[in-house]
Amino acid sequence: MILDVNGNPLLALNIKHHHQTLPVLFDHYLKLILLMFFVMSLLGFYIVNRYFIEPLINGASAINSMLVKNDLQPLRFTNQFLEMRVLISGFNALIKQVKDQNFKLEKISKIDGLTQIYNRRAFDEIIAAQWGQAQQQKSTFAVILLDVDHFKNYNDFYGHQGGDTALQLLADKLKQIAKLNTGTVARYGGEEFILFFKQLSYEEFVNISQQLLLAVNELNLPHEASPVREYLTISAGCVFATKETVASDNISTQLLIKEADEMLYEAKNSGRNKALTKAH
């Protein structure tokens, strides 16, 4: 109501207000939609975690463990998703390639480039392992150390290429004899070669040492610069250890090789082209 200056009513307004409820923000449909969204989010998180995140974490952990142990192995995780299968297959293919290359490099590092038999490094590893087996098996053990008689004269007369060819032919013969008698042969250095055998009797071992001399003679390689023979010859020092000696703590491969070297020195000083044997 509006009044004039005298206090009399001048204008009266009648305002009516109709009561109305506030709009509902969260009705049943919206709640259902939100619930479904929450459930789908959980399901999506589970799927991503189960089939992507967990395999990646496990794979990373497995790879880290391999690196720590320096032992690369294929991953063996199964996964239904193409992307993960492709990733795992690619990694395994890479591991196979690396292992193949490492195997080739390891093999190359243990093989003498000229003669294609074991080098000294490989021989040292093999004889150490075989010595341990011989002690467990209570086996005999025998070593032969040999070299070419007057090889320097041979190189000077026929040239280094001729010397290399002679060493290759000699290595092939030694490899054949070692293989026939379940032995191992290696180039020990320069014109020196070394062999070892297990499970032989003393008589068999002496026979093998003589076979070596005959096999080299049968090569019939001319050696006009040799004061020993007109063809290539070798001298050898041989050491044989019985089962009882091998089983004791009084001997080692180092001692056997040292004694073989001493016998080789004696063979050279007593005319060459011979194999001298010592038995324990």
Protein backbone atom coordinates (compact mmCIF):
# COMPACT_ATOMS: atom_id res chain seq x y z
CA MET A 1 0.00 0.00 0.00
CA ILE A 2 1.24 3.45 -0.89
CA LEU A 3 0.01 6.50 1.20
CA ASP A 4 -0.19 10.20 0.30
CA VAL A 5 1.21 13.05 2.42
CA ASN A 6 -1.87 13.08 4.63
CA GLY A 7 -1.62 9.38 5.35
CA ASN A 8 -4.51 8.39 3.15
CA PRO A 9 -4.22 5.28 0.98
CA LEU A 10 -3.18 6.18 -2.50
CA LEU A 11 -2.39 2.82 -4.12
CA ALA A 12 -2.87 -0.71 -2.95
CA LEU A 13 -1.11 -3.71 -4.54
CA ASN A 14 -2.19 -7.25 -3.91
CA ILE A 15 0.65 -9.73 -4.67
CA LYS A 16 -0.15 -13.44 -4.66
CA HIS A 17 2.58 -16.10 -4.51
CA HIS A 18 1.87 -19.66 -5.65
CA HIS A 19 3.89 -22.23 -3.65
CA GLN A 20 6.21 -24.38 -5.87
CA THR A 21 8.72 -27.13 -4.90
CA LEU A 22 12.39 -26.83 -5.92
CA PRO A 23 13.50 -29.00 -8.86
CA VAL A 24 15.02 -32.39 -7.91
CA LEU A 25 18.71 -32.54 -8.91
CA PHE A 26 19.24 -36.32 -8.33
CA ASP A 27 16.24 -38.26 -9.48
CA HIS A 28 16.22 -42.08 -9.82
CA TYR A 29 17.29 -42.07 -13.46
CA LEU A 30 20.30 -39.87 -12.83
CA LYS A 31 21.33 -42.00 -9.86
CA LEU A 32 21.10 -45.13 -12.03
CA ILE A 33 23.20 -43.51 -14.76
CA LEU A 34 25.85 -42.43 -12.24
CA LEU A 35 25.91 -45.92 -10.73
CA MET A 36 26.33 -47.51 -14.16
CA PHE A 37 29.13 -45.04 -14.99
CA PHE A 38 30.90 -45.90 -11.73
CA VAL A 39 30.58 -49.63 -12.35
CA MET A 40 31.83 -49.28 -15.94
CA SER A 41 34.77 -47.17 -14.72
CA LEU A 42 35.74 -49.88 -12.22
CA LEU A 43 35.39 -52.57 -14.87
CA GLY A 44 37.50 -50.56 -17.32
CA PHE A 45 40.16 -49.95 -14.70
CA TYR A 46 40.22 -53.69 -13.87
CA ILE A 47 40.60 -54.66 -17.52
CA VAL A 48 43.36 -52.11 -18.18
CA ASN A 49 45.16 -53.07 -14.96
CA ARG A 50 44.73 -56.83 -15.45
CA TYR A 51 45.64 -57.10 -19.12
CA PHE A 52 47.95 -54.14 -19.69
CA ILE A 53 49.45 -52.59 -16.57
CA GLU A 54 50.15 -55.82 -14.65
CA PRO A 55 51.79 -57.58 -17.64
CA LEU A 56 53.94 -54.51 -18.29
CA ILE A 57 55.00 -54.33 -14.63
CA ASN A 58 55.68 -58.09 -14.50
CA GLY A 59 57.56 -57.93 -17.79
CA ALA A 60 59.66 -54.99 -16.62
CA SER A 61 60.39 -56.80 -13.36
CA ALA A 62 61.40 -59.98 -15.23
CA ILE A 63 63.66 -58.03 -17.60
CA ASN A 64 65.28 -56.20 -14.67
CA SER A 65 65.90 -59.54 -12.94
CA MET A 66 67.51 -60.92 -16.12
CA LEU A 67 69.79 -57.90 -16.36
CA VAL A 68 70.85 -58.26 -12.72
CA LYS A 69 71.61 -61.98 -13.21
CA ASN A 70 73.04 -61.38 -16.72
CA ASP A 71 70.83 -64.21 -17.99
CA LEU A 72 68.47 -63.23 -20.80
CA GLN A 73 65.48 -65.55 -21.20
CA PRO A 74 62.23 -65.37 -23.26
CA LEU A 75 59.19 -63.91 -21.51
CA ARG A 76 56.47 -66.49 -20.86
CA PHE A 77 53.46 -64.23 -20.18
CA THR A 78 50.19 -65.07 -21.96
CA ASN A 79 47.90 -62.25 -23.05
CA GLN A 80 44.79 -62.17 -25.24
CA PHE A 81 45.34 -58.69 -26.60
CA LEU A 82 47.10 -58.46 -29.94
CA GLU A 83 49.27 -55.51 -28.94
CA MET A 84 50.68 -57.33 -25.90
CA ARG A 85 51.21 -60.55 -27.87
CA VAL A 86 53.10 -58.61 -30.54
CA LEU A 87 55.21 -56.87 -27.86
CA ILE A 88 56.06 -60.13 -26.08
CA SER A 89 56.78 -61.96 -29.36
CA GLY A 90 59.02 -59.13 -30.51
CA PHE A 91 60.95 -59.13 -27.24
CA ASN A 92 61.39 -62.93 -27.35
CA ALA A 93 62.60 -62.76 -30.95
CA LEU A 94 65.14 -60.11 -29.90
CA ILE A 95 66.30 -62.27 -26.97
CA LYS A 96 66.78 -65.25 -29.30
CA GLN A 97 68.83 -63.13 -31.67
CA VAL A 98 70.99 -61.83 -28.83
CA LYS A 99 71.51 -65.35 -27.41
CA ASP A 100 72.45 -66.69 -30.86
CA GLN A 101 74.95 -63.88 -31.36
CA ASN A 102 76.39 -64.39 -27.86
CA PHE A 103 76.72 -68.12 -28.53
CA LYS A 104 78.60 -67.44 -31.77
CA LEU A 105 80.86 -64.91 -30.08
CA GLU A 106 81.53 -67.28 -27.19
CA LYS A 107 82.37 -70.06 -29.64
CA ILE A 108 84.66 -67.80 -31.64
CA SER A 109 86.43 -66.67 -28.45
CA LYS A 110 87.26 -70.30 -27.59
CA ILE A 111 88.41 -71.46 -31.03
CA ASP A 112 91.90 -70.88 -32.41
CA GLY A 113 91.52 -68.92 -35.63
CA LEU A 114 94.22 -70.76 -37.56
CA THR A 115 93.70 -74.41 -36.59
CA GLN A 116 89.98 -74.32 -35.70
CA ILE A 117 90.53 -76.30 -32.51
CA TYR A 118 90.22 -75.05 -28.92
CA ASN A 119 92.53 -72.26 -27.86
CA ARG A 120 94.38 -72.18 -24.55
CA ARG A 121 91.70 -70.20 -22.75
CA ALA A 122 89.03 -72.73 -23.66
CA PHE A 123 91.34 -75.62 -22.81
CA ASP A 124 92.00 -74.26 -19.32
CA GLU A 125 88.25 -74.07 -18.67
CA ILE A 126 87.54 -77.55 -20.07
CA ILE A 127 90.36 -79.36 -18.31
CA ALA A 128 89.38 -77.81 -14.97
CA ALA A 129 85.81 -79.06 -15.35
CA GLN A 130 86.90 -82.51 -16.58
CA TRP A 131 89.39 -82.87 -13.74
CA GLY A 132 86.60 -82.36 -11.23
CA GLN A 133 84.52 -85.03 -12.98
CA ALA A 134 87.48 -87.41 -13.05
CA GLN A 135 87.91 -87.04 -9.30
CA GLN A 136 84.22 -87.77 -8.70
CA GLN A 137 84.17 -90.69 -11.14
CA LYS A 138 87.52 -92.03 -9.86
CA SER A 139 88.90 -92.03 -13.38
CA THR A 140 92.44 -92.03 -14.74
CA PHE A 141 93.69 -88.79 -16.25
CA ALA A 142 96.45 -88.23 -18.80
CA VAL A 143 98.05 -85.21 -20.48
CA ILE A 144 100.19 -84.91 -23.62
CA LEU A 145 102.09 -81.72 -24.44
CA LEU A 146 103.79 -81.68 -27.86
CA ASP A 147 105.35 -79.32 -30.35
CA VAL A 148 106.81 -79.39 -33.86
CA ASP A 149 110.50 -80.13 -34.06
CA HIS A 150 112.55 -77.18 -35.34
CA PHE A 151 109.46 -75.24 -36.39
CA LYS A 152 111.37 -71.96 -36.62
CA ASN A 153 113.57 -73.56 -39.28
CA TYR A 154 110.42 -74.73 -41.06
CA ASN A 155 108.97 -71.19 -41.09
CA ASP A 156 112.25 -69.72 -42.30
CA PHE A 157 112.57 -72.27 -45.09
CA TYR A 158 108.95 -72.57 -46.29
CA GLY A 159 107.61 -69.20 -45.21
CA HIS A 160 104.90 -68.38 -42.69
CA GLN A 161 102.15 -69.49 -45.05
CA GLY A 162 103.78 -72.89 -45.34
CA GLY A 163 104.13 -73.00 -41.55
CA ASP A 164 100.45 -72.15 -41.08
CA THR A 165 99.45 -74.93 -43.49
CA ALA A 166 101.59 -77.43 -41.59
CA LEU A 167 99.99 -76.44 -38.27
CA GLN A 168 96.51 -76.80 -39.78
CA LEU A 169 97.26 -80.29 -41.09
CA LEU A 170 98.81 -81.29 -37.77
CA ALA A 171 95.80 -79.95 -35.84
CA ASP A 172 93.43 -82.01 -38.00
CA LYS A 173 95.39 -85.18 -37.21
CA LEU A 174 95.46 -84.44 -33.50
CA LYS A 175 91.72 -83.73 -33.53
CA GLN A 176 91.01 -87.07 -35.20
CA ILE A 177 93.05 -89.02 -32.65
CA ALA A 178 91.54 -87.11 -29.72
CA LYS A 179 88.02 -87.75 -31.01
CA LEU A 180 88.64 -91.48 -31.49
CA ASN A 181 89.78 -91.75 -27.87
CA THR A 182 87.25 -89.37 -26.30
CA GLY A 183 89.95 -86.81 -25.63
CA THR A 184 90.32 -83.05 -26.01
CA VAL A 185 92.94 -81.17 -27.99
CA ALA A 186 93.88 -77.50 -28.08
CA ARG A 187 96.51 -75.22 -29.49
CA TYR A 188 98.57 -74.31 -26.45
CA GLY A 189 100.65 -71.61 -28.08
CA GLY A 190 102.66 -71.19 -31.27
CA GLU A 191 103.59 -74.68 -32.47
CA GLU A 192 102.63 -76.29 -29.13
CA PHE A 193 99.54 -78.47 -28.75
CA ILE A 194 98.05 -80.14 -25.69
CA LEU A 195 95.70 -83.09 -25.25
CA PHE A 196 94.10 -84.79 -22.28
CA PHE A 197 92.24 -88.08 -21.86
CA LYS A 198 90.16 -89.82 -19.20
CA GLN A 199 89.23 -93.43 -18.54
CA LEU A 200 92.28 -94.88 -20.28
CA SER A 201 94.60 -97.61 -19.09
CA TYR A 202 98.31 -96.86 -19.02
CA GLU A 203 98.89 -99.17 -21.99
CA GLU A 204 96.18 -97.42 -24.03
CA PHE A 205 97.68 -94.04 -23.23
CA VAL A 206 101.19 -95.07 -24.30
CA ASN A 207 99.70 -96.49 -27.51
CA ILE A 208 97.99 -93.14 -28.23
CA SER A 209 101.27 -91.26 -27.76
CA GLN A 210 102.87 -93.50 -30.37
CA GLN A 211 99.89 -93.06 -32.68
CA LEU A 212 100.52 -89.33 -32.58
CA LEU A 213 104.09 -89.79 -33.80
CA LEU A 214 103.00 -92.14 -36.59
CA ALA A 215 100.13 -89.86 -37.65
CA VAL A 216 102.50 -86.92 -38.06
CA ASN A 217 104.98 -89.07 -39.97
CA GLU A 218 102.16 -90.18 -42.27
CA LEU A 219 101.51 -86.54 -43.18
CA ASN A 220 104.89 -86.79 -44.93
CA LEU A 221 105.38 -83.03 -44.90
CA PRO A 222 108.87 -82.20 -46.21
CA HIS A 223 111.12 -80.43 -43.71
CA GLU A 224 114.46 -79.95 -45.45
CA ALA A 225 115.62 -77.55 -42.76
CA SER A 226 115.28 -80.13 -39.97
CA PRO A 227 118.41 -81.82 -38.59
CA VAL A 228 116.18 -84.63 -37.27
CA ARG A 229 114.39 -86.02 -40.35
CA GLU A 230 113.69 -84.89 -43.89
CA TYR A 231 109.99 -84.63 -43.02
CA LEU A 232 108.00 -82.90 -40.28
CA THR A 233 108.22 -84.52 -36.82
CA ILE A 234 107.01 -83.80 -33.30
CA SER A 235 108.23 -84.36 -29.76
CA ALA A 236 105.84 -85.08 -26.91
CA GLY A 237 105.85 -85.15 -23.12
CA CYS A 238 103.20 -87.43 -21.61
CA VAL A 239 102.00 -87.81 -18.01
CA PHE A 240 99.60 -90.46 -16.75
CA ALA A 241 97.76 -90.39 -13.38
CA THR A 242 96.06 -93.49 -11.97
CA LYS A 243 92.61 -93.47 -10.35
CA GLU A 244 94.16 -93.46 -6.91
CA THR A 245 96.42 -90.53 -7.77
CA VAL A 246 93.55 -88.50 -9.24
CA ALA A 247 91.41 -89.15 -6.16
CA SER A 248 94.16 -87.89 -3.83
CA ASP A 249 94.91 -84.27 -3.02
CA ASN A 250 98.57 -84.59 -4.01
CA ILE A 251 98.15 -83.73 -7.68
CA SER A 252 96.46 -81.19 -9.95
CA THR A 253 96.11 -80.41 -13.63
CA GLN A 254 98.72 -77.68 -13.25
CA LEU A 255 101.20 -80.23 -11.90
CA LEU A 256 100.40 -82.69 -14.70
CA ILE A 257 100.97 -80.02 -17.36
CA LYS A 258 104.20 -78.91 -15.68
CA GLU A 259 105.50 -82.49 -15.66
CA ALA A 260 104.38 -82.99 -19.28
CA ASP A 261 106.42 -79.90 -20.18
CA GLU A 262 109.42 -81.38 -18.39
CA MET A 263 109.03 -84.66 -20.30
CA LEU A 264 108.73 -82.69 -23.56
CA TYR A 265 111.97 -80.88 -22.75
CA GLU A 266 113.63 -84.24 -22.09
CA ALA A 267 112.31 -85.66 -25.39
CA LYS A 268 113.79 -82.72 -27.28
CA ASN A 269 117.16 -83.06 -25.55
CA SER A 270 117.34 -86.78 -26.29
CA GLY A 271 116.98 -86.53 -30.06
CA ARG A 272 113.37 -85.36 -30.73
CA ASN A 273 110.77 -87.24 -32.82
CA LYS A 274 109.73 -89.20 -29.75
CA ALA A 275 107.17 -89.29 -26.92
CA LEU A 276 108.37 -89.81 -23.34
CA THR A 277 105.90 -90.86 -20.66
CA LYS A 278 105.81 -90.48 -16.89
CA ALA A 279 103.29 -92.29 -14.68
CA HIS A 280 101.94 -91.51 -11.20
